[in-house]
Amino acid sequence: MNLPVEIDVHHTKQLLEDQQIVLIDCREPDEWELTKIQGAVLMPLSQWMATVDQLARYAGRQLVVHCHHGGRSLRVTQWLRQNGFPDAQNMTGGIDAWSQEVDTDVPRY
């Protein structure tokens, strides 16, 4: 497909609603406890190599990764693109942008 590396929160929301993507949250468990996007799967960056086996269940699926602001998730996206998920995308602005632009019920921190 050769999708762009970055995807905005509005497009992510639509794809998530249509169940066309797996939304991976690479924030840490304490951040996940503060707030999360409904339907996201937690795979913390600090535990990435321990959780990477979970990726096999998403083979053939479109992956979008997010974190707080988009820095950590960009690193994960680049790793995914180099390891069998060439169309993985980073959600620009992270959950903070989601909270401001898509769902204000998701608390900011």
PDB file of N, CA and C in Angstrom:
ATOM      1  N   MET A   1       0.819  -1.204   0.000  1.00  0.00           N
ATOM      2  CA  MET A   1       0.000   0.000   0.000  1.00  0.00           C
ATOM      3  C   MET A   1       0.858   1.262   0.000  1.00  0.00           C
ATOM      4  N   ASN A   2       1.980   1.243   0.713  1.00  0.00           N
ATOM      5  CA  ASN A   2       2.843   2.419   0.839  1.00  0.00           C
ATOM      6  C   ASN A   2       2.106   3.613   1.447  1.00  0.00           C
ATOM      7  N   LEU A   3       1.509   3.396   2.592  1.00  0.00           N
ATOM      8  CA  LEU A   3       0.810   4.466   3.297  1.00  0.00           C
ATOM      9  C   LEU A   3       1.820   5.439   3.893  1.00  0.00           C
ATOM     10  N   PRO A   4       1.423   6.712   4.069  1.00  0.00           N
ATOM     11  CA  PRO A   4       2.316   7.669   4.735  1.00  0.00           C
ATOM     12  C   PRO A   4       2.621   7.216   6.166  1.00  0.00           C
ATOM     13  N   VAL A   5       3.757   7.639   6.688  1.00  0.00           N
ATOM     14  CA  VAL A   5       4.156   7.262   8.044  1.00  0.00           C
ATOM     15  C   VAL A   5       3.197   7.855   9.071  1.00  0.00           C
ATOM     16  N   GLU A   6       2.660   9.039   8.808  1.00  0.00           N
ATOM     17  CA  GLU A   6       1.810   9.735   9.775  1.00  0.00           C
ATOM     18  C   GLU A   6       0.339   9.715   9.339  1.00  0.00           C
ATOM     19  N   ILE A   7      -0.541   9.650  10.326  1.00  0.00           N
ATOM     20  CA  ILE A   7      -1.980   9.711  10.102  1.00  0.00           C
ATOM     21  C   ILE A   7      -2.565  10.634  11.167  1.00  0.00           C
ATOM     22  N   ASP A   8      -3.533  11.461  10.798  1.00  0.00           N
ATOM     23  CA  ASP A   8      -4.099  12.392  11.783  1.00  0.00           C
ATOM     24  C   ASP A   8      -5.179  11.715  12.631  1.00  0.00           C
ATOM     25  N   VAL A   9      -5.553  12.381  13.707  1.00  0.00           N
ATOM     26  CA  VAL A   9      -6.493  11.795  14.669  1.00  0.00           C
ATOM     27  C   VAL A   9      -7.886  11.597  14.067  1.00  0.00           C
ATOM     28  N   HIS A  10      -8.296  12.465  13.161  1.00  0.00           N
ATOM     29  CA  HIS A  10      -9.633  12.344  12.567  1.00  0.00           C
ATOM     30  C   HIS A  10      -9.725  11.112  11.667  1.00  0.00           C
ATOM     31  N   HIS A  11      -8.702  10.909  10.851  1.00  0.00           N
ATOM     32  CA  HIS A  11      -8.672   9.728   9.988  1.00  0.00           C
ATOM     33  C   HIS A  11      -8.560   8.458  10.833  1.00  0.00           C
ATOM     34  N   THR A  12      -7.761   8.511  11.886  1.00  0.00           N
ATOM     35  CA  THR A  12      -7.630   7.371  12.796  1.00  0.00           C
ATOM     36  C   THR A  12      -8.983   7.017  13.407  1.00  0.00           C
ATOM     37  N   LYS A  13      -9.712   8.020  13.846  1.00  0.00           N
ATOM     38  CA  LYS A  13     -11.033   7.790  14.452  1.00  0.00           C
ATOM     39  C   LYS A  13     -11.953   7.057  13.485  1.00  0.00           C
ATOM     40  N   GLN A  14     -11.987   7.506  12.241  1.00  0.00           N
ATOM     41  CA  GLN A  14     -12.851   6.881  11.246  1.00  0.00           C
ATOM     42  C   GLN A  14     -12.453   5.429  11.004  1.00  0.00           C
ATOM     43  N   LEU A  15     -11.163   5.177  10.847  1.00  0.00           N
ATOM     44  CA  LEU A  15     -10.695   3.812  10.617  1.00  0.00           C
ATOM     45  C   LEU A  15     -10.969   2.918  11.824  1.00  0.00           C
ATOM     46  N   LEU A  16     -10.828   3.472  13.023  1.00  0.00           N
ATOM     47  CA  LEU A  16     -11.100   2.715  14.240  1.00  0.00           C
ATOM     48  C   LEU A  16     -12.590   2.373  14.340  1.00  0.00           C
ATOM     49  N   GLU A  17     -13.436   3.346  14.053  1.00  0.00           N
ATOM     50  CA  GLU A  17     -14.880   3.102  14.081  1.00  0.00           C
ATOM     51  C   GLU A  17     -15.290   2.038  13.068  1.00  0.00           C
ATOM     52  N   ASP A  18     -14.621   2.033  11.921  1.00  0.00           N
ATOM     53  CA  ASP A  18     -14.924   1.064  10.871  1.00  0.00           C
ATOM     54  C   ASP A  18     -14.193  -0.266  11.075  1.00  0.00           C
ATOM     55  N   GLN A  19     -13.475  -0.388  12.181  1.00  0.00           N
ATOM     56  CA  GLN A  19     -12.716  -1.587  12.546  1.00  0.00           C
ATOM     57  C   GLN A  19     -11.727  -1.984  11.455  1.00  0.00           C
ATOM     58  N   GLN A  20     -11.134  -0.973  10.831  1.00  0.00           N
ATOM     59  CA  GLN A  20     -10.163  -1.230   9.766  1.00  0.00           C
ATOM     60  C   GLN A  20      -8.727  -1.220  10.281  1.00  0.00           C
ATOM     61  N   ILE A  21      -8.518  -0.855  11.544  1.00  0.00           N
ATOM     62  CA  ILE A  21      -7.171  -0.768  12.093  1.00  0.00           C
ATOM     63  C   ILE A  21      -7.105  -1.416  13.469  1.00  0.00           C
ATOM     64  N   VAL A  22      -5.877  -1.708  13.884  1.00  0.00           N
ATOM     65  CA  VAL A  22      -5.581  -2.038  15.274  1.00  0.00           C
ATOM     66  C   VAL A  22      -4.841  -0.819  15.808  1.00  0.00           C
ATOM     67  N   LEU A  23      -5.383  -0.191  16.838  1.00  0.00           N
ATOM     68  CA  LEU A  23      -4.768   0.982  17.448  1.00  0.00           C
ATOM     69  C   LEU A  23      -3.916   0.526  18.622  1.00  0.00           C
ATOM     70  N   ILE A  24      -2.613   0.711  18.495  1.00  0.00           N
ATOM     71  CA  ILE A  24      -1.668   0.294  19.530  1.00  0.00           C
ATOM     72  C   ILE A  24      -1.241   1.512  20.340  1.00  0.00           C
ATOM     73  N   ASP A  25      -1.387   1.407  21.643  1.00  0.00           N
ATOM     74  CA  ASP A  25      -0.992   2.456  22.580  1.00  0.00           C
ATOM     75  C   ASP A  25       0.339   2.041  23.187  1.00  0.00           C
ATOM     76  N   CYS A  26       1.405   2.794  22.882  1.00  0.00           N
ATOM     77  CA  CYS A  26       2.729   2.412  23.390  1.00  0.00           C
ATOM     78  C   CYS A  26       3.125   3.216  24.624  1.00  0.00           C
ATOM     79  N   ARG A  27       2.137   3.873  25.261  1.00  0.00           N
ATOM     80  CA  ARG A  27       2.424   4.577  26.518  1.00  0.00           C
ATOM     81  C   ARG A  27       2.632   3.551  27.632  1.00  0.00           C
ATOM     82  N   GLU A  28       3.004   4.042  28.787  1.00  0.00           N
ATOM     83  CA  GLU A  28       3.274   3.172  29.926  1.00  0.00           C
ATOM     84  C   GLU A  28       1.972   2.872  30.697  1.00  0.00           C
ATOM     85  N   PRO A  29       1.955   1.772  31.470  1.00  0.00           N
ATOM     86  CA  PRO A  29       0.740   1.393  32.200  1.00  0.00           C
ATOM     87  C   PRO A  29       0.165   2.506  33.088  1.00  0.00           C
ATOM     88  N   ASP A  30       1.031   3.312  33.715  1.00  0.00           N
ATOM     89  CA  ASP A  30       0.495   4.381  34.564  1.00  0.00           C
ATOM     90  C   ASP A  30      -0.226   5.441  33.726  1.00  0.00           C
ATOM     91  N   GLU A  31       0.240   5.689  32.512  1.00  0.00           N
ATOM     92  CA  GLU A  31      -0.446   6.630  31.619  1.00  0.00           C
ATOM     93  C   GLU A  31      -1.774   6.033  31.147  1.00  0.00           C
ATOM     94  N   TRP A  32      -1.764   4.735  30.843  1.00  0.00           N
ATOM     95  CA  TRP A  32      -2.958   4.010  30.412  1.00  0.00           C
ATOM     96  C   TRP A  32      -4.042   4.106  31.485  1.00  0.00           C
ATOM     97  N   GLU A  33      -3.627   4.017  32.757  1.00  0.00           N
ATOM     98  CA  GLU A  33      -4.585   4.109  33.860  1.00  0.00           C
ATOM     99  C   GLU A  33      -5.210   5.501  33.957  1.00  0.00           C
ATOM    100  N   LEU A  34      -4.465   6.531  33.567  1.00  0.00           N
ATOM    101  CA  LEU A  34      -5.001   7.898  33.595  1.00  0.00           C
ATOM    102  C   LEU A  34      -6.107   8.088  32.565  1.00  0.00           C
ATOM    103  N   THR A  35      -5.856   7.606  31.353  1.00  0.00           N
ATOM    104  CA  THR A  35      -6.815   7.779  30.261  1.00  0.00           C
ATOM    105  C   THR A  35      -6.418   6.899  29.096  1.00  0.00           C
ATOM    106  N   LYS A  36      -7.385   6.513  28.298  1.00  0.00           N
ATOM    107  CA  LYS A  36      -7.115   5.676  27.130  1.00  0.00           C
ATOM    108  C   LYS A  36      -8.175   5.905  26.064  1.00  0.00           C
ATOM    109  N   ILE A  37      -7.844   5.501  24.860  1.00  0.00           N
ATOM    110  CA  ILE A  37      -8.777   5.558  23.744  1.00  0.00           C
ATOM    111  C   ILE A  37      -9.479   4.208  23.673  1.00  0.00           C
ATOM    112  N   GLN A  38     -10.802   4.250  23.681  1.00  0.00           N
ATOM    113  CA  GLN A  38     -11.597   3.026  23.620  1.00  0.00           C
ATOM    114  C   GLN A  38     -11.204   2.215  22.397  1.00  0.00           C
ATOM    115  N   GLY A  39     -10.876   0.946  22.605  1.00  0.00           N
ATOM    116  CA  GLY A  39     -10.523   0.055  21.512  1.00  0.00           C
ATOM    117  C   GLY A  39      -9.027  -0.101  21.286  1.00  0.00           C
ATOM    118  N   ALA A  40      -8.220   0.720  21.964  1.00  0.00           N
ATOM    119  CA  ALA A  40      -6.761   0.626  21.809  1.00  0.00           C
ATOM    120  C   ALA A  40      -6.224  -0.592  22.557  1.00  0.00           C
ATOM    121  N   VAL A  41      -5.063  -1.075  22.107  1.00  0.00           N
ATOM    122  CA  VAL A  41      -4.368  -2.200  22.725  1.00  0.00           C
ATOM    123  C   VAL A  41      -3.081  -1.664  23.340  1.00  0.00           C
ATOM    124  N   LEU A  42      -2.872  -1.923  24.636  1.00  0.00           N
ATOM    125  CA  LEU A  42      -1.680  -1.432  25.322  1.00  0.00           C
ATOM    126  C   LEU A  42      -0.487  -2.341  25.049  1.00  0.00           C
ATOM    127  N   MET A  43       0.587  -1.751  24.502  1.00  0.00           N
ATOM    128  CA  MET A  43       1.868  -2.424  24.302  1.00  0.00           C
ATOM    129  C   MET A  43       2.954  -1.409  24.656  1.00  0.00           C
ATOM    130  N   PRO A  44       3.271  -1.250  25.956  1.00  0.00           N
ATOM    131  CA  PRO A  44       4.197  -0.207  26.402  1.00  0.00           C
ATOM    132  C   PRO A  44       5.571  -0.290  25.734  1.00  0.00           C
ATOM    133  N   LEU A  45       6.094   0.870  25.368  1.00  0.00           N
ATOM    134  CA  LEU A  45       7.413   0.929  24.748  1.00  0.00           C
ATOM    135  C   LEU A  45       8.474   0.302  25.644  1.00  0.00           C
ATOM    136  N   SER A  46       8.404   0.522  26.953  1.00  0.00           N
ATOM    137  CA  SER A  46       9.412  -0.017  27.873  1.00  0.00           C
ATOM    138  C   SER A  46       9.385  -1.540  27.934  1.00  0.00           C
ATOM    139  N   GLN A  47       8.283  -2.145  27.514  1.00  0.00           N
ATOM    140  CA  GLN A  47       8.141  -3.603  27.525  1.00  0.00           C
ATOM    141  C   GLN A  47       8.011  -4.148  26.102  1.00  0.00           C
ATOM    142  N   TRP A  48       8.420  -3.342  25.116  1.00  0.00           N
ATOM    143  CA  TRP A  48       8.154  -3.661  23.711  1.00  0.00           C
ATOM    144  C   TRP A  48       8.638  -5.051  23.323  1.00  0.00           C
ATOM    145  N   MET A  49       9.882  -5.385  23.611  1.00  0.00           N
ATOM    146  CA  MET A  49      10.413  -6.670  23.172  1.00  0.00           C
ATOM    147  C   MET A  49       9.708  -7.840  23.862  1.00  0.00           C
ATOM    148  N   ALA A  50       9.186  -7.625  25.046  1.00  0.00           N
ATOM    149  CA  ALA A  50       8.456  -8.684  25.753  1.00  0.00           C
ATOM    150  C   ALA A  50       7.044  -8.866  25.192  1.00  0.00           C
ATOM    151  N   THR A  51       6.498  -7.819  24.591  1.00  0.00           N
ATOM    152  CA  THR A  51       5.122  -7.894  24.086  1.00  0.00           C
ATOM    153  C   THR A  51       5.052  -8.056  22.574  1.00  0.00           C
ATOM    154  N   VAL A  52       6.198  -8.011  21.907  1.00  0.00           N
ATOM    155  CA  VAL A  52       6.222  -8.023  20.448  1.00  0.00           C
ATOM    156  C   VAL A  52       5.608  -9.308  19.867  1.00  0.00           C
ATOM    157  N   ASP A  53       5.617 -10.397  20.635  1.00  0.00           N
ATOM    158  CA  ASP A  53       4.997 -11.638  20.161  1.00  0.00           C
ATOM    159  C   ASP A  53       3.501 -11.469  19.920  1.00  0.00           C
ATOM    160  N   GLN A  54       2.879 -10.515  20.600  1.00  0.00           N
ATOM    161  CA  GLN A  54       1.450 -10.253  20.402  1.00  0.00           C
ATOM    162  C   GLN A  54       1.147  -9.788  18.987  1.00  0.00           C
ATOM    163  N   LEU A  55       2.154  -9.250  18.303  1.00  0.00           N
ATOM    164  CA  LEU A  55       1.943  -8.705  16.967  1.00  0.00           C
ATOM    165  C   LEU A  55       1.519  -9.762  15.955  1.00  0.00           C
ATOM    166  N   ALA A  56       1.885 -11.015  16.180  1.00  0.00           N
ATOM    167  CA  ALA A  56       1.541 -12.083  15.236  1.00  0.00           C
ATOM    168  C   ALA A  56       0.029 -12.150  15.011  1.00  0.00           C
ATOM    169  N   ARG A  57      -0.743 -11.870  16.043  1.00  0.00           N
ATOM    170  CA  ARG A  57      -2.210 -11.941  15.892  1.00  0.00           C
ATOM    171  C   ARG A  57      -2.755 -10.827  14.995  1.00  0.00           C
ATOM    172  N   TYR A  58      -1.923  -9.821  14.715  1.00  0.00           N
ATOM    173  CA  TYR A  58      -2.362  -8.698  13.878  1.00  0.00           C
ATOM    174  C   TYR A  58      -1.793  -8.757  12.463  1.00  0.00           C
ATOM    175  N   ALA A  59      -1.208  -9.892  12.100  1.00  0.00           N
ATOM    176  CA  ALA A  59      -0.646 -10.047  10.756  1.00  0.00           C
ATOM    177  C   ALA A  59      -1.723  -9.743   9.715  1.00  0.00           C
ATOM    178  N   GLY A  60      -1.369  -8.937   8.747  1.00  0.00           N
ATOM    179  CA  GLY A  60      -2.303  -8.566   7.686  1.00  0.00           C
ATOM    180  C   GLY A  60      -3.236  -7.431   8.038  1.00  0.00           C
ATOM    181  N   ARG A  61      -3.184  -6.952   9.268  1.00  0.00           N
ATOM    182  CA  ARG A  61      -4.042  -5.841   9.700  1.00  0.00           C
ATOM    183  C   ARG A  61      -3.265  -4.531   9.630  1.00  0.00           C
ATOM    184  N   GLN A  62      -3.980  -3.445   9.445  1.00  0.00           N
ATOM    185  CA  GLN A  62      -3.378  -2.109   9.457  1.00  0.00           C
ATOM    186  C   GLN A  62      -3.153  -1.696  10.915  1.00  0.00           C
ATOM    187  N   LEU A  63      -1.926  -1.287  11.240  1.00  0.00           N
ATOM    188  CA  LEU A  63      -1.594  -0.864  12.600  1.00  0.00           C
ATOM    189  C   LEU A  63      -1.388   0.643  12.639  1.00  0.00           C
ATOM    190  N   VAL A  64      -1.993   1.285  13.632  1.00  0.00           N
ATOM    191  CA  VAL A  64      -1.752   2.696  13.926  1.00  0.00           C
ATOM    192  C   VAL A  64      -1.296   2.757  15.377  1.00  0.00           C
ATOM    193  N   VAL A  65      -0.214   3.479  15.611  1.00  0.00           N
ATOM    194  CA  VAL A  65       0.392   3.540  16.940  1.00  0.00           C
ATOM    195  C   VAL A  65       0.249   4.945  17.496  1.00  0.00           C
ATOM    196  N   HIS A  66      -0.028   5.035  18.804  1.00  0.00           N
ATOM    197  CA  HIS A  66      -0.076   6.349  19.443  1.00  0.00           C
ATOM    198  C   HIS A  66       0.580   6.303  20.811  1.00  0.00           C
ATOM    199  N   CYS A  67       0.974   7.488  21.268  1.00  0.00           N
ATOM    200  CA  CYS A  67       1.496   7.672  22.627  1.00  0.00           C
ATOM    201  C   CYS A  67       0.888   8.970  23.151  1.00  0.00           C
ATOM    202  N   HIS A  68       1.608   9.705  23.982  1.00  0.00           N
ATOM    203  CA  HIS A  68       1.079  10.944  24.540  1.00  0.00           C
ATOM    204  C   HIS A  68       1.045  12.064  23.498  1.00  0.00           C
ATOM    205  N   HIS A  69       2.200  12.313  22.855  1.00  0.00           N
ATOM    206  CA  HIS A  69       2.274  13.395  21.867  1.00  0.00           C
ATOM    207  C   HIS A  69       2.733  12.947  20.482  1.00  0.00           C
ATOM    208  N   GLY A  70       3.237  11.737  20.339  1.00  0.00           N
ATOM    209  CA  GLY A  70       3.618  11.223  19.025  1.00  0.00           C
ATOM    210  C   GLY A  70       5.080  10.871  18.848  1.00  0.00           C
ATOM    211  N   GLY A  71       5.931  11.158  19.804  1.00  0.00           N
ATOM    212  CA  GLY A  71       7.360  10.861  19.672  1.00  0.00           C
ATOM    213  C   GLY A  71       7.685   9.384  19.833  1.00  0.00           C
ATOM    214  N   ARG A  72       7.229   8.791  20.926  1.00  0.00           N
ATOM    215  CA  ARG A  72       7.483   7.359  21.159  1.00  0.00           C
ATOM    216  C   ARG A  72       6.815   6.512  20.086  1.00  0.00           C
ATOM    217  N   SER A  73       5.597   6.882  19.738  1.00  0.00           N
ATOM    218  CA  SER A  73       4.869   6.089  18.744  1.00  0.00           C
ATOM    219  C   SER A  73       5.515   6.175  17.368  1.00  0.00           C
ATOM    220  N   LEU A  74       6.170   7.268  17.056  1.00  0.00           N
ATOM    221  CA  LEU A  74       6.889   7.362  15.787  1.00  0.00           C
ATOM    222  C   LEU A  74       8.046   6.363  15.768  1.00  0.00           C
ATOM    223  N   ARG A  75       8.755   6.230  16.884  1.00  0.00           N
ATOM    224  CA  ARG A  75       9.838   5.241  16.967  1.00  0.00           C
ATOM    225  C   ARG A  75       9.296   3.822  16.805  1.00  0.00           C
ATOM    226  N   VAL A  76       8.176   3.524  17.453  1.00  0.00           N
ATOM    227  CA  VAL A  76       7.557   2.203  17.331  1.00  0.00           C
ATOM    228  C   VAL A  76       7.109   1.968  15.890  1.00  0.00           C
ATOM    229  N   THR A  77       6.508   2.973  15.279  1.00  0.00           N
ATOM    230  CA  THR A  77       6.057   2.860  13.889  1.00  0.00           C
ATOM    231  C   THR A  77       7.227   2.544  12.964  1.00  0.00           C
ATOM    232  N   GLN A  78       8.333   3.235  13.159  1.00  0.00           N
ATOM    233  CA  GLN A  78       9.513   2.973  12.333  1.00  0.00           C
ATOM    234  C   GLN A  78      10.017   1.547  12.540  1.00  0.00           C
ATOM    235  N   TRP A  79      10.011   1.068  13.786  1.00  0.00           N
ATOM    236  CA  TRP A  79      10.405  -0.304  14.073  1.00  0.00           C
ATOM    237  C   TRP A  79       9.470  -1.283  13.370  1.00  0.00           C
ATOM    238  N   LEU A  80       8.161  -1.047  13.484  1.00  0.00           N
ATOM    239  CA  LEU A  80       7.178  -1.928  12.849  1.00  0.00           C
ATOM    240  C   LEU A  80       7.387  -1.993  11.339  1.00  0.00           C
ATOM    241  N   ARG A  81       7.631  -0.832  10.726  1.00  0.00           N
ATOM    242  CA  ARG A  81       7.839  -0.785   9.275  1.00  0.00           C
ATOM    243  C   ARG A  81       9.069  -1.582   8.859  1.00  0.00           C
ATOM    244  N   GLN A  82      10.030  -1.705   9.731  1.00  0.00           N
ATOM    245  CA  GLN A  82      11.256  -2.455   9.427  1.00  0.00           C
ATOM    246  C   GLN A  82      11.132  -3.936   9.799  1.00  0.00           C
ATOM    247  N   ASN A  83      10.021  -4.296  10.463  1.00  0.00           N
ATOM    248  CA  ASN A  83       9.879  -5.665  10.975  1.00  0.00           C
ATOM    249  C   ASN A  83       8.546  -6.307  10.590  1.00  0.00           C
ATOM    250  N   GLY A  84       8.170  -6.167   9.347  1.00  0.00           N
ATOM    251  CA  GLY A  84       7.023  -6.914   8.835  1.00  0.00           C
ATOM    252  C   GLY A  84       5.702  -6.191   8.758  1.00  0.00           C
ATOM    253  N   PHE A  85       5.660  -4.922   9.148  1.00  0.00           N
ATOM    254  CA  PHE A  85       4.425  -4.140   9.060  1.00  0.00           C
ATOM    255  C   PHE A  85       4.727  -2.853   8.288  1.00  0.00           C
ATOM    256  N   PRO A  86       4.953  -2.961   6.973  1.00  0.00           N
ATOM    257  CA  PRO A  86       5.428  -1.822   6.180  1.00  0.00           C
ATOM    258  C   PRO A  86       4.451  -0.651   6.097  1.00  0.00           C
ATOM    259  N   ASP A  87       3.190  -0.879   6.427  1.00  0.00           N
ATOM    260  CA  ASP A  87       2.207   0.200   6.354  1.00  0.00           C
ATOM    261  C   ASP A  87       1.759   0.688   7.728  1.00  0.00           C
ATOM    262  N   ALA A  88       2.498   0.344   8.784  1.00  0.00           N
ATOM    263  CA  ALA A  88       2.178   0.872  10.119  1.00  0.00           C
ATOM    264  C   ALA A  88       2.252   2.393  10.069  1.00  0.00           C
ATOM    265  N   GLN A  89       1.396   3.038  10.848  1.00  0.00           N
ATOM    266  CA  GLN A  89       1.351   4.498  10.853  1.00  0.00           C
ATOM    267  C   GLN A  89       1.375   5.041  12.269  1.00  0.00           C
ATOM    268  N   ASN A  90       1.910   6.243  12.397  1.00  0.00           N
ATOM    269  CA  ASN A  90       1.962   6.972  13.656  1.00  0.00           C
ATOM    270  C   ASN A  90       0.817   7.982  13.698  1.00  0.00           C
ATOM    271  N   MET A  91       0.034   7.982  14.778  1.00  0.00           N
ATOM    272  CA  MET A  91      -1.033   8.967  14.939  1.00  0.00           C
ATOM    273  C   MET A  91      -0.421  10.271  15.442  1.00  0.00           C
ATOM    274  N   THR A  92      -0.387  11.267  14.591  1.00  0.00           N
ATOM    275  CA  THR A  92       0.235  12.543  14.941  1.00  0.00           C
ATOM    276  C   THR A  92      -0.478  13.208  16.107  1.00  0.00           C
ATOM    277  N   GLY A  93       0.309  13.753  17.012  1.00  0.00           N
ATOM    278  CA  GLY A  93      -0.240  14.467  18.158  1.00  0.00           C
ATOM    279  C   GLY A  93      -0.622  13.593  19.321  1.00  0.00           C
ATOM    280  N   GLY A  94      -0.669  12.266  19.107  1.00  0.00           N
ATOM    281  CA  GLY A  94      -0.963  11.323  20.176  1.00  0.00           C
ATOM    282  C   GLY A  94      -2.324  11.513  20.822  1.00  0.00           C
ATOM    283  N   ILE A  95      -2.443  10.937  22.014  1.00  0.00           N
ATOM    284  CA  ILE A  95      -3.714  10.991  22.735  1.00  0.00           C
ATOM    285  C   ILE A  95      -4.051  12.425  23.145  1.00  0.00           C
ATOM    286  N   ASP A  96      -3.035  13.278  23.256  1.00  0.00           N
ATOM    287  CA  ASP A  96      -3.296  14.677  23.593  1.00  0.00           C
ATOM    288  C   ASP A  96      -4.089  15.348  22.468  1.00  0.00           C
ATOM    289  N   ALA A  97      -3.703  15.127  21.227  1.00  0.00           N
ATOM    290  CA  ALA A  97      -4.447  15.683  20.093  1.00  0.00           C
ATOM    291  C   ALA A  97      -5.835  15.049  20.005  1.00  0.00           C
ATOM    292  N   TRP A  98      -5.919  13.756  20.288  1.00  0.00           N
ATOM    293  CA  TRP A  98      -7.209  13.060  20.288  1.00  0.00           C
ATOM    294  C   TRP A  98      -8.155  13.741  21.284  1.00  0.00           C
ATOM    295  N   SER A  99      -7.626  14.029  22.479  1.00  0.00           N
ATOM    296  CA  SER A  99      -8.433  14.663  23.534  1.00  0.00           C
ATOM    297  C   SER A  99      -8.930  16.043  23.119  1.00  0.00           C
ATOM    298  N   GLN A 100      -8.117  16.773  22.368  1.00  0.00           N
ATOM    299  CA  GLN A 100      -8.482  18.129  21.972  1.00  0.00           C
ATOM    300  C   GLN A 100      -9.352  18.170  20.717  1.00  0.00           C
ATOM    301  N   GLU A 101      -9.137  17.243  19.782  1.00  0.00           N
ATOM    302  CA  GLU A 101      -9.784  17.345  18.473  1.00  0.00           C
ATOM    303  C   GLU A 101     -10.878  16.323  18.200  1.00  0.00           C
ATOM    304  N   VAL A 102     -10.843  15.181  18.895  1.00  0.00           N
ATOM    305  CA  VAL A 102     -11.780  14.103  18.572  1.00  0.00           C
ATOM    306  C   VAL A 102     -12.757  13.828  19.708  1.00  0.00           C
ATOM    307  N   ASP A 103     -12.243  13.653  20.920  1.00  0.00           N
ATOM    308  CA  ASP A 103     -13.088  13.255  22.042  1.00  0.00           C
ATOM    309  C   ASP A 103     -12.647  13.981  23.311  1.00  0.00           C
ATOM    310  N   THR A 104     -13.334  15.063  23.622  1.00  0.00           N
ATOM    311  CA  THR A 104     -12.975  15.865  24.790  1.00  0.00           C
ATOM    312  C   THR A 104     -13.282  15.150  26.106  1.00  0.00           C
ATOM    313  N   ASP A 105     -13.970  14.015  26.047  1.00  0.00           N
ATOM    314  CA  ASP A 105     -14.207  13.221  27.255  1.00  0.00           C
ATOM    315  C   ASP A 105     -12.956  12.430  27.671  1.00  0.00           C
ATOM    316  N   VAL A 106     -11.994  12.312  26.760  1.00  0.00           N
ATOM    317  CA  VAL A 106     -10.718  11.678  27.088  1.00  0.00           C
ATOM    318  C   VAL A 106      -9.874  12.732  27.777  1.00  0.00           C
ATOM    319  N   PRO A 107      -9.593  12.560  29.081  1.00  0.00           N
ATOM    320  CA  PRO A 107      -8.872  13.603  29.841  1.00  0.00           C
ATOM    321  C   PRO A 107      -7.462  13.850  29.309  1.00  0.00           C
ATOM    322  N   ARG A 108      -7.056  15.091  29.368  1.00  0.00           N
ATOM    323  CA  ARG A 108      -5.677  15.467  29.041  1.00  0.00           C
ATOM    324  C   ARG A 108      -4.835  15.384  30.307  1.00  0.00           C
ATOM    325  N   TYR A 109      -3.566  15.154  30.137  1.00  0.00           N
ATOM    326  CA  TYR A 109      -2.627  15.133  31.284  1.00  0.00           C
ATOM    327  C   TYR A 109      -1.299  15.662  30.848  1.00  0.00           C
TER     328      TYR A 109
END
